[in-house]
C-alpha atoms as a PDB file:
ATOM      1  CA  GLN A   1     102.155  60.036 128.689  1.00  0.00           C
ATOM      2  CA  VAL A   2     101.490  56.930 131.116  1.00  0.00           C
ATOM      3  CA  GLN A   3      98.491  56.201 131.747  1.00  0.00           C
ATOM      4  CA  LEU A   4      97.473  53.542 134.801  1.00  0.00           C
ATOM      5  CA  VAL A   5      94.345  51.110 134.797  1.00  0.00           C
ATOM      6  CA  GLU A   6      93.594  49.093 137.968  1.00  0.00           C
ATOM      7  CA  SER A   7      91.338  46.260 137.410  1.00  0.00           C
ATOM      8  CA  GLY A   8      90.290  43.417 140.235  1.00  0.00           C
ATOM      9  CA  GLY A   9      87.963  45.477 142.623  1.00  0.00           C
ATOM     10  CA  GLY A  10      84.693  44.203 143.535  1.00  0.00           C
ATOM     11  CA  SER A  11      82.664  43.052 146.811  1.00  0.00           C
ATOM     12  CA  VAL A  12      83.638  40.361 149.325  1.00  0.00           C
ATOM     13  CA  GLN A  13      83.218  38.631 152.492  1.00  0.00           C
ATOM     14  CA  ASP A  14      84.489  39.516 155.791  1.00  0.00           C
ATOM     15  CA  GLY A  15      87.979  37.456 155.745  1.00  0.00           C
ATOM     16  CA  GLY A  16      88.213  37.383 152.586  1.00  0.00           C
ATOM     17  CA  SER A  17      90.868  37.740 149.320  1.00  0.00           C
ATOM     18  CA  LEU A  18      90.944  40.097 146.617  1.00  0.00           C
ATOM     19  CA  ARG A  19      93.699  40.804 144.165  1.00  0.00           C
ATOM     20  CA  LEU A  20      93.882  43.764 142.355  1.00  0.00           C
ATOM     21  CA  SER A  21      95.968  44.074 139.270  1.00  0.00           C
ATOM     22  CA  CYS A  22      97.061  48.080 138.356  1.00  0.00           C
ATOM     23  CA  ALA A  23      98.360  48.085 134.421  1.00  0.00           C
ATOM     24  CA  ALA A  24     100.569  50.640 133.265  1.00  0.00           C
ATOM     25  CA  SER A  25     100.131  51.767 129.327  1.00  0.00           C
ATOM     26  CA  ALA A  26     104.289  51.715 128.769  1.00  0.00           C
ATOM     27  CA  ARG A  27     106.890  50.592 130.036  1.00  0.00           C
ATOM     28  CA  SER A  28     108.566  52.978 133.340  1.00  0.00           C
ATOM     29  CA  SER A  29     112.077  53.703 134.158  1.00  0.00           C
ATOM     30  CA  SER A  30     113.873  51.096 136.537  1.00  0.00           C
ATOM     31  CA  SER A  31     113.808  54.185 139.046  1.00  0.00           C
ATOM     32  CA  ALA A  32     109.738  54.068 139.218  1.00  0.00           C
ATOM     33  CA  VAL A  33     107.885  53.930 142.485  1.00  0.00           C
ATOM     34  CA  TYR A  34     104.151  51.990 142.090  1.00  0.00           C
ATOM     35  CA  GLY A  35     102.116  52.926 145.183  1.00  0.00           C
ATOM     36  CA  TRP A  36      98.808  51.407 146.444  1.00  0.00           C
ATOM     37  CA  PHE A  37      96.385  54.211 148.203  1.00  0.00           C
ATOM     38  CA  ARG A  38      92.988  53.963 149.037  1.00  0.00           C
ATOM     39  CA  GLN A  39      90.686  56.601 149.960  1.00  0.00           C
ATOM     40  CA  ALA A  40      86.933  55.999 151.920  1.00  0.00           C
ATOM     41  CA  PRO A  41      83.986  58.549 151.480  1.00  0.00           C
ATOM     42  CA  GLY A  42      84.668  61.345 153.551  1.00  0.00           C
ATOM     43  CA  LYS A  43      88.160  60.608 154.528  1.00  0.00           C
ATOM     44  CA  GLU A  44      91.826  61.498 152.984  1.00  0.00           C
ATOM     45  CA  ARG A  45      93.409  59.427 150.652  1.00  0.00           C
ATOM     46  CA  GLU A  46      95.917  57.233 152.811  1.00  0.00           C
ATOM     47  CA  PHE A  47      98.827  55.139 152.097  1.00  0.00           C
ATOM     48  CA  VAL A  48      98.563  51.119 151.552  1.00  0.00           C
ATOM     49  CA  ALA A  49     101.658  49.742 149.938  1.00  0.00           C
ATOM     50  CA  LEU A  50     104.550  50.944 147.505  1.00  0.00           C
ATOM     51  CA  ILE A  51     107.343  48.425 145.503  1.00  0.00           C
ATOM     52  CA  ARG A  52     109.923  49.865 143.689  1.00  0.00           C
ATOM     53  CA  LEU A  53     110.509  48.290 139.967  1.00  0.00           C
ATOM     54  CA  ARG A  54     113.800  48.077 140.390  1.00  0.00           C
ATOM     55  CA  GLY A  55     115.132  45.174 143.437  1.00  0.00           C
ATOM     56  CA  THR A  56     112.652  44.210 146.161  1.00  0.00           C
ATOM     57  CA  SER A  57     111.981  46.874 148.575  1.00  0.00           C
ATOM     58  CA  ALA A  58     108.467  47.016 149.376  1.00  0.00           C
ATOM     59  CA  LEU A  59     106.728  49.268 151.865  1.00  0.00           C
ATOM     60  CA  TYR A  60     103.345  48.750 153.661  1.00  0.00           C
ATOM     61  CA  ALA A  61     100.891  51.034 156.101  1.00  0.00           C
ATOM     62  CA  ASP A  62     101.199  49.623 159.697  1.00  0.00           C
ATOM     63  CA  SER A  63      97.257  49.132 158.810  1.00  0.00           C
ATOM     64  CA  VAL A  64      97.573  46.478 156.295  1.00  0.00           C
ATOM     65  CA  LYS A  65     101.033  45.166 156.842  1.00  0.00           C
ATOM     66  CA  GLY A  66     100.962  41.054 157.115  1.00  0.00           C
ATOM     67  CA  ARG A  67      97.456  41.377 155.505  1.00  0.00           C
ATOM     68  CA  PHE A  68      98.140  42.744 152.261  1.00  0.00           C
ATOM     69  CA  THR A  69     101.311  41.788 149.374  1.00  0.00           C
ATOM     70  CA  ILE A  70     102.252  44.016 146.829  1.00  0.00           C
ATOM     71  CA  SER A  71     103.944  42.407 143.986  1.00  0.00           C
ATOM     72  CA  ARG A  72     105.246  43.429 140.131  1.00  0.00           C
ATOM     73  CA  ASP A  73     105.629  41.744 137.076  1.00  0.00           C
ATOM     74  CA  ASN A  74     107.989  43.894 135.244  1.00  0.00           C
ATOM     75  CA  PRO A  75     107.479  42.475 131.772  1.00  0.00           C
ATOM     76  CA  LYS A  76     103.622  42.747 131.534  1.00  0.00           C
ATOM     77  CA  ASN A  77     103.836  46.344 133.251  1.00  0.00           C
ATOM     78  CA  THR A  78     101.392  45.202 135.966  1.00  0.00           C
ATOM     79  CA  VAL A  79     101.743  45.632 139.481  1.00  0.00           C
ATOM     80  CA  TYR A  80      99.468  43.501 142.255  1.00  0.00           C
ATOM     81  CA  LEU A  81      97.895  44.153 145.394  1.00  0.00           C
ATOM     82  CA  GLN A  82      96.927  41.071 146.587  1.00  0.00           C
ATOM     83  CA  MET A  83      94.669  41.439 150.051  1.00  0.00           C
ATOM     84  CA  ASP A  84      94.324  38.727 152.496  1.00  0.00           C
ATOM     85  CA  SER A  85      92.093  38.757 155.605  1.00  0.00           C
ATOM     86  CA  LEU A  86      89.941  41.860 154.423  1.00  0.00           C
ATOM     87  CA  LYS A  87      87.928  43.920 157.205  1.00  0.00           C
ATOM     88  CA  PRO A  88      85.102  46.292 156.693  1.00  0.00           C
ATOM     89  CA  GLU A  89      87.259  48.831 157.580  1.00  0.00           C
ATOM     90  CA  ASP A  90      89.374  48.034 154.373  1.00  0.00           C
ATOM     91  CA  SER A  91      86.406  49.288 152.115  1.00  0.00           C
ATOM     92  CA  ALA A  92      87.479  51.945 149.590  1.00  0.00           C
ATOM     93  CA  VAL A  93      88.196  53.115 146.352  1.00  0.00           C
ATOM     94  CA  TYR A  94      92.040  52.018 145.974  1.00  0.00           C
ATOM     95  CA  TYR A  95      93.990  53.522 143.259  1.00  0.00           C
ATOM     96  CA  CYS A  96      97.170  52.779 142.061  1.00  0.00           C
ATOM     97  CA  ALA A  97     100.116  55.746 141.490  1.00  0.00           C
ATOM     98  CA  LEU A  98     103.531  56.480 139.699  1.00  0.00           C
ATOM     99  CA  THR A  99     106.272  58.255 140.742  1.00  0.00           C
ATOM    100  CA  PHE A 100     110.404  58.239 140.782  1.00  0.00           C
ATOM    101  CA  GLN A 101     110.932  58.813 144.298  1.00  0.00           C
ATOM    102  CA  TYR A 102     110.697  56.644 147.065  1.00  0.00           C
ATOM    103  CA  THR A 103     108.016  58.202 149.215  1.00  0.00           C
ATOM    104  CA  ASN A 104     104.784  57.148 150.898  1.00  0.00           C
ATOM    105  CA  ASN A 105     103.043  60.810 150.150  1.00  0.00           C
ATOM    106  CA  HIS A 106     100.155  60.570 147.504  1.00  0.00           C
ATOM    107  CA  ARG A 107     100.964  64.637 146.884  1.00  0.00           C
ATOM    108  CA  GLU A 108     104.049  63.529 145.536  1.00  0.00           C
ATOM    109  CA  TYR A 109     102.719  60.651 142.572  1.00  0.00           C
ATOM    110  CA  GLU A 110     102.591  61.807 139.761  1.00  0.00           C
ATOM    111  CA  TYR A 111     100.451  59.720 137.583  1.00  0.00           C
ATOM    112  CA  TRP A 112      97.339  58.138 138.745  1.00  0.00           C
ATOM    113  CA  GLY A 113      94.550  55.628 137.981  1.00  0.00           C
ATOM    114  CA  GLN A 114      90.677  55.906 138.022  1.00  0.00           C
ATOM    115  CA  GLY A 115      90.513  53.592 140.949  1.00  0.00           C
ATOM    116  CA  THR A 116      88.883  50.599 141.853  1.00  0.00           C
ATOM    117  CA  PRO A 117      86.298  50.178 144.471  1.00  0.00           C
ATOM    118  CA  VAL A 118      86.469  47.527 147.398  1.00  0.00           C
ATOM    119  CA  THR A 119      83.577  46.662 149.318  1.00  0.00           C
ATOM    120  CA  VAL A 120      84.423  44.090 152.649  1.00  0.00           C
ATOM    121  CA  VAL A 121      81.047  43.138 153.708  1.00  0.00           C
ATOM    122  CA  SER A 122      80.330  41.700 157.230  1.00  0.00           C
END
């Protein structure tokens, strides 16, 4: 059904910034929740941030709070992740995902993009 495509990943210097985009192939319902997750080699997939399409509610992992900002552009069916003050430990493949409940559990997300890699170099 709906397809998600991430873009904007790449290599950035320690302390730099990067903006990721997640474009949906179709309009989502107002109950949709978009999440950003990341997975580094040898590690479990971890929650980064989420946002509702309805309202302004957003949630961040403690590890990125104050550095990352999730936002949306509903007419464009796009969700963004602005990443500032990047650290080497932020390096991972970043995925966007879609669900219809308010959850940060990746196992409860129904639709996933293919991921975009982010590398932060010292």
